[in-house]
Amino acid sequence: MIVALLLALQVSAPAPAGQITPPRQIYMPPIASYYPPEAMARDEQGTTRLKCVLDATGRLVDCALHSSSGSATLDTAAFRIAQDARYEPQRVDGTPVAIPAILPVRWVLAD
């Protein structure tokens, strides 16, 4: 059985002053379908952390590898997940704003 988890989006910068509404996940693709077969065959597991910018439309942009799972294959798959995920952006005084964030993806193979 495959278990792959997208952990909570972690905002990595202090929020600007004003009334803050934090970002919210509105769509997450089925993570298990992104687990690469070659990584499963090699029993590769770990947590990939991507440093991204959540733009004012709620899309993750400018993603870079923050820390590796130990598997280049899993890390590459995490970028595909980030591209397909959708968020409601953070708002300051009702206005959507871009913010830096860490997106952790935990790759787990269960028996």
N, C-alpha and C. Protein backbone atom coordinates (compact mmCIF):
# COMPACT_ATOMS: atom_id res chain seq x y z
N MET A 1 0.84 -1.17 0.00
CA MET A 1 0.00 0.00 0.00
C MET A 1 0.89 1.24 0.00
N ILE A 2 0.46 2.26 -0.68
CA ILE A 2 1.20 3.51 -0.76
C ILE A 2 0.54 4.53 0.15
N VAL A 3 1.35 5.21 0.89
CA VAL A 3 0.85 6.34 1.67
C VAL A 3 1.79 7.50 1.36
N ALA A 4 1.26 8.55 0.79
CA ALA A 4 2.05 9.76 0.55
C ALA A 4 1.23 10.92 1.07
N LEU A 5 1.82 11.72 1.88
CA LEU A 5 1.08 12.78 2.54
C LEU A 5 1.61 14.14 2.16
N LEU A 6 0.70 15.05 1.89
CA LEU A 6 1.10 16.44 1.76
C LEU A 6 0.80 17.07 3.09
N LEU A 7 1.85 17.51 3.75
CA LEU A 7 1.68 18.11 5.06
C LEU A 7 1.22 19.55 4.90
N ALA A 8 0.84 20.17 5.96
CA ALA A 8 0.32 21.53 5.92
C ALA A 8 1.33 22.51 5.33
N LEU A 9 0.84 23.41 4.52
CA LEU A 9 1.65 24.49 3.97
C LEU A 9 2.17 25.32 5.12
N GLN A 10 3.47 25.57 5.15
CA GLN A 10 4.08 26.32 6.23
C GLN A 10 4.52 27.68 5.70
N VAL A 11 3.90 28.74 6.17
CA VAL A 11 4.28 30.08 5.75
C VAL A 11 5.64 30.37 6.37
N SER A 12 6.59 30.80 5.54
CA SER A 12 7.97 30.93 6.02
C SER A 12 8.43 32.37 6.23
N ALA A 13 7.51 33.31 6.23
CA ALA A 13 7.90 34.70 6.47
C ALA A 13 6.86 35.35 7.37
N PRO A 14 7.27 36.36 8.12
CA PRO A 14 6.30 37.03 8.97
C PRO A 14 5.23 37.72 8.11
N ALA A 15 4.02 37.72 8.60
CA ALA A 15 2.92 38.34 7.87
C ALA A 15 3.02 39.86 7.97
N PRO A 16 2.62 40.56 6.90
CA PRO A 16 2.62 42.02 6.97
C PRO A 16 1.56 42.49 7.97
N ALA A 17 1.69 43.73 8.39
CA ALA A 17 0.74 44.29 9.35
C ALA A 17 -0.65 44.40 8.73
N GLY A 18 -1.67 44.35 9.56
CA GLY A 18 -3.05 44.47 9.08
C GLY A 18 -3.85 43.24 9.43
N GLN A 19 -5.09 43.18 8.99
CA GLN A 19 -5.97 42.03 9.21
C GLN A 19 -5.51 40.89 8.30
N ILE A 20 -5.07 39.77 8.88
CA ILE A 20 -4.49 38.66 8.13
C ILE A 20 -5.47 37.51 8.04
N THR A 21 -5.67 37.01 6.81
CA THR A 21 -6.38 35.75 6.58
C THR A 21 -5.34 34.81 5.98
N PRO A 22 -4.95 33.74 6.69
CA PRO A 22 -3.88 32.87 6.20
C PRO A 22 -4.30 32.10 4.94
N PRO A 23 -3.30 31.59 4.21
CA PRO A 23 -3.63 30.79 3.02
C PRO A 23 -4.36 29.52 3.42
N ARG A 24 -5.12 28.98 2.48
CA ARG A 24 -5.91 27.78 2.76
C ARG A 24 -5.87 26.87 1.54
N GLN A 25 -5.67 25.58 1.79
CA GLN A 25 -5.67 24.59 0.71
C GLN A 25 -7.09 24.43 0.18
N ILE A 26 -7.27 24.54 -1.14
CA ILE A 26 -8.59 24.34 -1.72
C ILE A 26 -8.64 23.14 -2.66
N TYR A 27 -7.49 22.69 -3.14
CA TYR A 27 -7.45 21.46 -3.94
C TYR A 27 -6.10 20.81 -3.78
N MET A 28 -6.11 19.51 -3.53
CA MET A 28 -4.88 18.74 -3.48
C MET A 28 -5.09 17.49 -4.32
N PRO A 29 -4.22 17.27 -5.30
CA PRO A 29 -4.37 16.07 -6.12
C PRO A 29 -4.14 14.82 -5.27
N PRO A 30 -4.60 13.67 -5.75
CA PRO A 30 -4.38 12.42 -5.00
C PRO A 30 -2.89 12.08 -4.98
N ILE A 31 -2.27 12.35 -3.85
CA ILE A 31 -0.82 12.27 -3.70
C ILE A 31 -0.27 10.89 -4.04
N ALA A 32 -0.95 9.83 -3.64
CA ALA A 32 -0.46 8.47 -3.88
C ALA A 32 -0.24 8.21 -5.37
N SER A 33 -1.02 8.83 -6.22
CA SER A 33 -0.87 8.61 -7.67
C SER A 33 0.42 9.23 -8.21
N TYR A 34 1.09 10.05 -7.43
CA TYR A 34 2.34 10.69 -7.86
C TYR A 34 3.57 9.88 -7.44
N TYR A 35 3.38 8.84 -6.61
CA TYR A 35 4.53 8.07 -6.12
C TYR A 35 5.15 7.34 -7.31
N PRO A 36 6.38 7.67 -7.68
CA PRO A 36 7.00 7.05 -8.85
C PRO A 36 7.19 5.54 -8.67
N PRO A 37 6.80 4.73 -9.67
CA PRO A 37 6.96 3.28 -9.56
C PRO A 37 8.40 2.85 -9.29
N GLU A 38 9.37 3.55 -9.90
CA GLU A 38 10.77 3.17 -9.68
C GLU A 38 11.20 3.45 -8.24
N ALA A 39 10.63 4.48 -7.62
CA ALA A 39 10.93 4.76 -6.21
C ALA A 39 10.29 3.70 -5.31
N MET A 40 9.09 3.26 -5.67
CA MET A 40 8.43 2.19 -4.91
C MET A 40 9.25 0.91 -5.00
N ALA A 41 9.75 0.59 -6.20
CA ALA A 41 10.53 -0.63 -6.39
C ALA A 41 11.81 -0.62 -5.55
N ARG A 42 12.34 0.58 -5.31
CA ARG A 42 13.56 0.71 -4.51
C ARG A 42 13.27 1.02 -3.04
N ASP A 43 11.98 0.95 -2.66
CA ASP A 43 11.55 1.25 -1.28
C ASP A 43 12.02 2.62 -0.80
N GLU A 44 11.99 3.60 -1.68
CA GLU A 44 12.42 4.95 -1.32
C GLU A 44 11.31 5.69 -0.58
N GLN A 45 11.67 6.30 0.52
CA GLN A 45 10.75 7.06 1.35
C GLN A 45 11.48 8.29 1.88
N GLY A 46 10.74 9.22 2.43
CA GLY A 46 11.36 10.41 3.01
C GLY A 46 10.43 11.60 2.89
N THR A 47 10.94 12.76 3.26
CA THR A 47 10.16 13.99 3.17
C THR A 47 10.90 14.98 2.30
N THR A 48 10.22 15.44 1.27
CA THR A 48 10.73 16.49 0.40
C THR A 48 10.13 17.81 0.87
N ARG A 49 10.95 18.83 1.02
CA ARG A 49 10.45 20.16 1.37
C ARG A 49 10.80 21.12 0.23
N LEU A 50 9.76 21.76 -0.28
CA LEU A 50 9.94 22.73 -1.36
C LEU A 50 9.75 24.13 -0.81
N LYS A 51 10.63 25.02 -1.17
CA LYS A 51 10.47 26.43 -0.80
C LYS A 51 9.85 27.11 -2.00
N CYS A 52 8.64 27.61 -1.81
CA CYS A 52 7.87 28.18 -2.92
C CYS A 52 7.36 29.56 -2.55
N VAL A 53 6.81 30.21 -3.54
CA VAL A 53 6.06 31.44 -3.30
C VAL A 53 4.62 31.14 -3.66
N LEU A 54 3.73 31.43 -2.74
CA LEU A 54 2.29 31.33 -3.00
C LEU A 54 1.88 32.72 -3.50
N ASP A 55 1.50 32.80 -4.78
CA ASP A 55 1.20 34.12 -5.34
C ASP A 55 -0.20 34.59 -4.96
N ALA A 56 -0.54 35.78 -5.39
CA ALA A 56 -1.80 36.40 -5.01
C ALA A 56 -3.01 35.71 -5.63
N THR A 57 -2.79 34.77 -6.56
CA THR A 57 -3.91 34.01 -7.13
C THR A 57 -4.07 32.66 -6.43
N GLY A 58 -3.13 32.31 -5.55
CA GLY A 58 -3.21 31.04 -4.84
C GLY A 58 -2.40 29.92 -5.48
N ARG A 59 -1.60 30.23 -6.48
CA ARG A 59 -0.76 29.21 -7.11
C ARG A 59 0.62 29.21 -6.50
N LEU A 60 1.21 28.03 -6.38
CA LEU A 60 2.59 27.93 -5.92
C LEU A 60 3.49 28.20 -7.12
N VAL A 61 4.39 29.16 -6.96
CA VAL A 61 5.29 29.54 -8.04
C VAL A 61 6.71 29.62 -7.50
N ASP A 62 7.66 29.67 -8.40
CA ASP A 62 9.07 29.83 -8.03
C ASP A 62 9.52 28.80 -6.99
N CYS A 63 9.15 27.55 -7.20
CA CYS A 63 9.52 26.49 -6.25
C CYS A 63 10.97 26.07 -6.44
N ALA A 64 11.63 25.82 -5.33
CA ALA A 64 12.99 25.30 -5.32
C ALA A 64 13.07 24.25 -4.21
N LEU A 65 14.02 23.36 -4.35
CA LEU A 65 14.21 22.33 -3.33
C LEU A 65 14.78 22.96 -2.07
N HIS A 66 14.07 22.82 -0.97
CA HIS A 66 14.52 23.33 0.33
C HIS A 66 15.32 22.24 1.06
N SER A 67 14.77 21.01 1.08
CA SER A 67 15.50 19.86 1.61
C SER A 67 15.01 18.60 0.91
N SER A 68 15.94 17.72 0.64
CA SER A 68 15.66 16.52 -0.13
C SER A 68 15.14 15.38 0.73
N SER A 69 14.37 14.52 0.10
CA SER A 69 13.90 13.29 0.74
C SER A 69 15.02 12.25 0.76
N GLY A 70 16.08 12.52 0.01
CA GLY A 70 17.14 11.54 -0.18
C GLY A 70 17.00 10.81 -1.49
N SER A 71 15.92 11.10 -2.21
CA SER A 71 15.65 10.46 -3.50
C SER A 71 15.33 11.55 -4.53
N ALA A 72 16.16 11.64 -5.56
CA ALA A 72 15.90 12.62 -6.62
C ALA A 72 14.58 12.33 -7.32
N THR A 73 14.21 11.07 -7.42
CA THR A 73 12.95 10.69 -8.05
C THR A 73 11.76 11.21 -7.26
N LEU A 74 11.78 11.05 -5.94
CA LEU A 74 10.69 11.55 -5.11
C LEU A 74 10.67 13.08 -5.10
N ASP A 75 11.84 13.69 -5.08
CA ASP A 75 11.90 15.15 -5.08
C ASP A 75 11.29 15.72 -6.35
N THR A 76 11.57 15.10 -7.48
CA THR A 76 11.00 15.54 -8.76
C THR A 76 9.48 15.39 -8.75
N ALA A 77 8.98 14.30 -8.19
CA ALA A 77 7.53 14.08 -8.11
C ALA A 77 6.88 15.13 -7.22
N ALA A 78 7.57 15.57 -6.18
CA ALA A 78 7.02 16.60 -5.29
C ALA A 78 6.79 17.91 -6.05
N PHE A 79 7.66 18.23 -7.00
CA PHE A 79 7.46 19.43 -7.81
C PHE A 79 6.18 19.31 -8.64
N ARG A 80 5.88 18.12 -9.15
CA ARG A 80 4.64 17.93 -9.92
C ARG A 80 3.42 18.13 -9.03
N ILE A 81 3.48 17.64 -7.81
CA ILE A 81 2.38 17.84 -6.86
C ILE A 81 2.18 19.33 -6.61
N ALA A 82 3.28 20.04 -6.37
CA ALA A 82 3.20 21.48 -6.09
C ALA A 82 2.55 22.23 -7.26
N GLN A 83 2.88 21.84 -8.48
CA GLN A 83 2.30 22.50 -9.66
C GLN A 83 0.80 22.27 -9.76
N ASP A 84 0.32 21.13 -9.30
CA ASP A 84 -1.09 20.78 -9.44
C ASP A 84 -1.96 21.21 -8.25
N ALA A 85 -1.35 21.52 -7.13
CA ALA A 85 -2.11 21.92 -5.93
C ALA A 85 -2.66 23.34 -6.12
N ARG A 86 -3.75 23.63 -5.42
CA ARG A 86 -4.35 24.97 -5.47
C ARG A 86 -4.64 25.45 -4.05
N TYR A 87 -4.40 26.70 -3.84
CA TYR A 87 -4.61 27.32 -2.54
C TYR A 87 -5.37 28.63 -2.71
N GLU A 88 -6.06 29.00 -1.65
CA GLU A 88 -6.60 30.34 -1.58
C GLU A 88 -5.47 31.17 -0.98
N PRO A 89 -5.15 32.31 -1.58
CA PRO A 89 -3.98 33.07 -1.11
C PRO A 89 -4.20 33.72 0.26
N GLN A 90 -3.09 34.09 0.84
CA GLN A 90 -3.18 34.88 2.07
C GLN A 90 -3.75 36.24 1.71
N ARG A 91 -4.50 36.82 2.63
CA ARG A 91 -5.06 38.16 2.41
C ARG A 91 -4.66 39.06 3.57
N VAL A 92 -4.35 40.29 3.22
CA VAL A 92 -4.06 41.32 4.20
C VAL A 92 -5.07 42.43 3.96
N ASP A 93 -5.88 42.70 4.95
CA ASP A 93 -6.96 43.68 4.83
C ASP A 93 -7.83 43.41 3.60
N GLY A 94 -8.06 42.12 3.32
CA GLY A 94 -8.92 41.71 2.22
C GLY A 94 -8.24 41.62 0.86
N THR A 95 -7.00 42.05 0.76
CA THR A 95 -6.27 42.04 -0.51
C THR A 95 -5.36 40.82 -0.57
N PRO A 96 -5.46 39.99 -1.64
CA PRO A 96 -4.56 38.85 -1.76
C PRO A 96 -3.10 39.30 -1.90
N VAL A 97 -2.21 38.59 -1.23
CA VAL A 97 -0.79 38.92 -1.29
C VAL A 97 0.03 37.66 -1.53
N ALA A 98 1.18 37.84 -2.16
CA ALA A 98 2.13 36.74 -2.36
C ALA A 98 2.95 36.57 -1.09
N ILE A 99 3.25 35.30 -0.75
CA ILE A 99 4.06 35.02 0.44
C ILE A 99 4.96 33.82 0.16
N PRO A 100 6.14 33.79 0.79
CA PRO A 100 6.98 32.58 0.71
C PRO A 100 6.41 31.51 1.63
N ALA A 101 6.56 30.26 1.23
CA ALA A 101 6.04 29.15 2.03
C ALA A 101 6.88 27.90 1.81
N ILE A 102 6.84 27.00 2.78
CA ILE A 102 7.48 25.69 2.65
C ILE A 102 6.37 24.67 2.44
N LEU A 103 6.52 23.85 1.41
CA LEU A 103 5.55 22.79 1.12
C LEU A 103 6.24 21.45 1.38
N PRO A 104 5.90 20.76 2.50
CA PRO A 104 6.49 19.46 2.77
C PRO A 104 5.62 18.33 2.19
N VAL A 105 6.26 17.37 1.55
CA VAL A 105 5.58 16.18 1.05
C VAL A 105 6.28 14.98 1.67
N ARG A 106 5.53 14.20 2.44
CA ARG A 106 6.10 13.04 3.12
C ARG A 106 5.75 11.79 2.30
N TRP A 107 6.78 11.09 1.86
CA TRP A 107 6.63 9.87 1.05
C TRP A 107 6.79 8.66 1.95
N VAL A 108 5.73 7.83 2.04
CA VAL A 108 5.75 6.66 2.92
C VAL A 108 5.17 5.48 2.17
N LEU A 109 5.86 4.35 2.26
CA LEU A 109 5.34 3.08 1.76
C LEU A 109 4.93 2.24 2.97
N ALA A 110 3.69 1.83 2.99
CA ALA A 110 3.19 1.03 4.11
C ALA A 110 2.96 -0.40 3.64
N ASP A 111 2.99 -1.35 4.58
CA ASP A 111 2.76 -2.77 4.24
C ASP A 111 1.29 -3.02 3.99
